[in-house]
Amino acid sequence: QVQLVESGGGLVQAGGSLRLSCAASGRTFSNYAMGWFRQAPGKEREFVAAISRSGWIIYYADSVKGRFTISRDNAKNSVFLQMNILKPEDTAVYYCAADGYGFGVRTRTRYYDYWGQGTQVTVSS
């Protein structure tokens, strides 16, 4: 089992920044690729960004490319999402998730074995 706890969400004006953190406990963190997903009201959960076990492979959704940065610190069992130039359409509950895949990153929710409880991000116009 891997337990994931997100933090760092909040209310921010358009154009602002937030940094989300996800702390992992349980099994060896470096054995998991990590992803960030988000879900807006009335919409399906969607992929935002993912980072491989080592951190060498990173992939972003087109909607956040150039504005968001995913990173991880395996020594601290944590993954981060730096969000800049936030837009109202970024408003959602953000989830971190762990995937036992060992060959890069994946973007579909069904591949991720463990999920956090989510943190709300609200961007006002």
Protein backbone atom coordinates (compact mmCIF):
# COMPACT_ATOMS: atom_id res chain seq x y z
CA GLN A 1 0.00 0.00 0.00
CA VAL A 2 1.03 3.55 -0.71
CA GLN A 3 -0.60 6.42 1.12
CA LEU A 4 -0.63 9.79 -0.64
CA VAL A 5 -1.50 13.14 0.90
CA GLU A 6 -1.75 16.29 -1.20
CA SER A 7 -1.37 19.84 0.09
CA GLY A 8 -0.91 23.34 -1.24
CA GLY A 9 -4.22 24.02 -2.90
CA GLY A 10 -6.15 27.23 -2.41
CA LEU A 11 -7.71 30.29 -4.00
CA VAL A 12 -5.61 32.38 -6.36
CA GLN A 13 -6.26 35.06 -8.95
CA ALA A 14 -5.77 34.40 -12.62
CA GLY A 15 -2.11 34.78 -13.53
CA GLY A 16 -0.98 33.68 -10.10
CA SER A 17 0.93 30.62 -8.94
CA LEU A 18 0.51 27.71 -6.59
CA ARG A 19 2.77 24.82 -5.63
CA LEU A 20 1.14 21.49 -4.83
CA SER A 21 2.92 18.85 -2.80
CA CYS A 22 2.19 15.17 -2.40
CA ALA A 23 3.75 13.22 0.44
CA ALA A 24 3.96 9.45 0.10
CA SER A 25 4.31 6.77 2.73
CA GLY A 26 4.21 3.02 2.74
CA ARG A 27 6.06 1.20 0.00
CA THR A 28 9.28 2.41 -1.62
CA PHE A 29 8.43 5.71 -3.29
CA SER A 30 11.13 5.40 -5.96
CA ASN A 31 9.44 2.25 -7.29
CA TYR A 32 6.54 4.32 -8.59
CA ALA A 33 6.02 6.71 -11.43
CA MET A 34 3.89 9.59 -10.16
CA GLY A 35 1.15 11.56 -11.80
CA TRP A 36 -1.03 14.57 -11.18
CA PHE A 37 -4.63 14.56 -12.33
CA ARG A 38 -7.50 16.98 -11.87
CA GLN A 39 -11.26 16.87 -11.87
CA ALA A 40 -13.54 19.85 -12.36
CA PRO A 41 -17.22 19.73 -11.36
CA GLY A 42 -19.26 17.74 -13.84
CA LYS A 43 -16.19 16.59 -15.75
CA GLU A 44 -14.12 13.43 -15.88
CA ARG A 45 -10.80 13.21 -14.12
CA GLU A 46 -8.07 14.25 -16.53
CA PHE A 47 -4.34 13.83 -16.77
CA VAL A 48 -2.15 16.83 -15.95
CA ALA A 49 1.46 15.65 -15.66
CA ALA A 50 3.55 12.59 -14.87
CA ILE A 51 7.12 11.85 -13.89
CA SER A 52 8.99 8.57 -14.09
CA ARG A 53 10.58 6.75 -11.18
CA SER A 54 13.94 8.40 -11.68
CA GLY A 55 12.53 11.76 -12.71
CA TRP A 56 14.19 11.63 -16.11
CA ILE A 57 10.97 11.20 -18.11
CA ILE A 58 8.27 13.85 -17.79
CA TYR A 59 5.07 14.36 -19.73
CA TYR A 60 2.45 17.10 -19.64
CA ALA A 61 -1.04 17.57 -20.93
CA ASP A 62 -1.10 20.14 -23.73
CA SER A 63 -3.34 22.37 -21.65
CA VAL A 64 -0.66 22.93 -18.99
CA LYS A 65 2.55 22.63 -21.01
CA GLY A 66 4.78 25.63 -20.44
CA ARG A 67 2.89 26.69 -17.31
CA PHE A 68 3.13 23.70 -14.95
CA THR A 69 6.24 21.85 -13.79
CA ILE A 70 6.26 18.44 -12.13
CA SER A 71 9.19 17.32 -10.00
CA ARG A 72 9.98 14.74 -7.37
CA ASP A 73 12.34 14.25 -4.46
CA ASN A 74 12.80 10.54 -3.84
CA ALA A 75 14.80 11.20 -0.68
CA LYS A 76 11.78 13.01 0.77
CA ASN A 77 9.13 10.70 -0.74
CA SER A 78 7.45 13.65 -2.38
CA VAL A 79 6.22 14.87 -5.73
CA PHE A 80 5.42 18.46 -6.58
CA LEU A 81 3.44 20.44 -9.12
CA GLN A 82 4.45 24.05 -9.65
CA MET A 83 1.59 25.85 -11.34
CA ASN A 84 2.22 29.24 -12.91
CA ILE A 85 0.10 31.60 -15.01
CA LEU A 86 -3.01 29.98 -13.62
CA LYS A 87 -6.27 30.34 -15.52
CA PRO A 88 -9.89 30.00 -14.35
CA GLU A 89 -10.13 26.80 -16.37
CA ASP A 90 -7.46 25.27 -14.12
CA THR A 91 -10.01 25.25 -11.29
CA ALA A 92 -10.44 21.66 -10.10
CA VAL A 93 -9.61 19.17 -7.40
CA TYR A 94 -6.06 18.02 -7.98
CA TYR A 95 -4.98 14.47 -7.19
CA CYS A 96 -1.61 12.82 -7.07
CA ALA A 97 -1.36 9.16 -7.96
CA ALA A 98 1.22 6.36 -7.98
CA ASP A 99 1.81 3.94 -10.85
CA GLY A 100 4.01 0.89 -10.52
CA TYR A 101 5.04 1.14 -14.19
CA GLY A 102 8.79 0.87 -14.60
CA PHE A 103 9.38 2.07 -18.16
CA GLY A 104 8.39 5.71 -18.26
CA VAL A 105 5.04 7.37 -17.62
CA ARG A 106 1.41 6.71 -18.45
CA THR A 107 -1.51 9.09 -18.70
CA ARG A 108 -4.63 6.99 -18.18
CA THR A 109 -6.22 6.91 -14.74
CA ARG A 110 -6.76 3.15 -14.87
CA TYR A 111 -3.01 2.51 -14.73
CA TYR A 112 -2.57 4.25 -11.39
CA ASP A 113 -2.83 2.05 -8.34
CA TYR A 114 -2.92 4.57 -5.50
CA TRP A 115 -4.56 7.96 -5.16
CA GLY A 116 -4.56 10.80 -2.69
CA GLN A 117 -7.68 12.49 -1.37
CA GLY A 118 -7.24 15.58 -3.52
CA THR A 119 -6.69 19.27 -2.92
CA GLN A 120 -8.91 22.05 -4.25
CA VAL A 121 -7.47 24.68 -6.56
CA THR A 122 -9.69 27.64 -7.40
CA VAL A 123 -8.60 30.32 -9.85
CA SER A 124 -10.67 33.48 -9.91
CA SER A 125 -10.94 35.70 -12.97
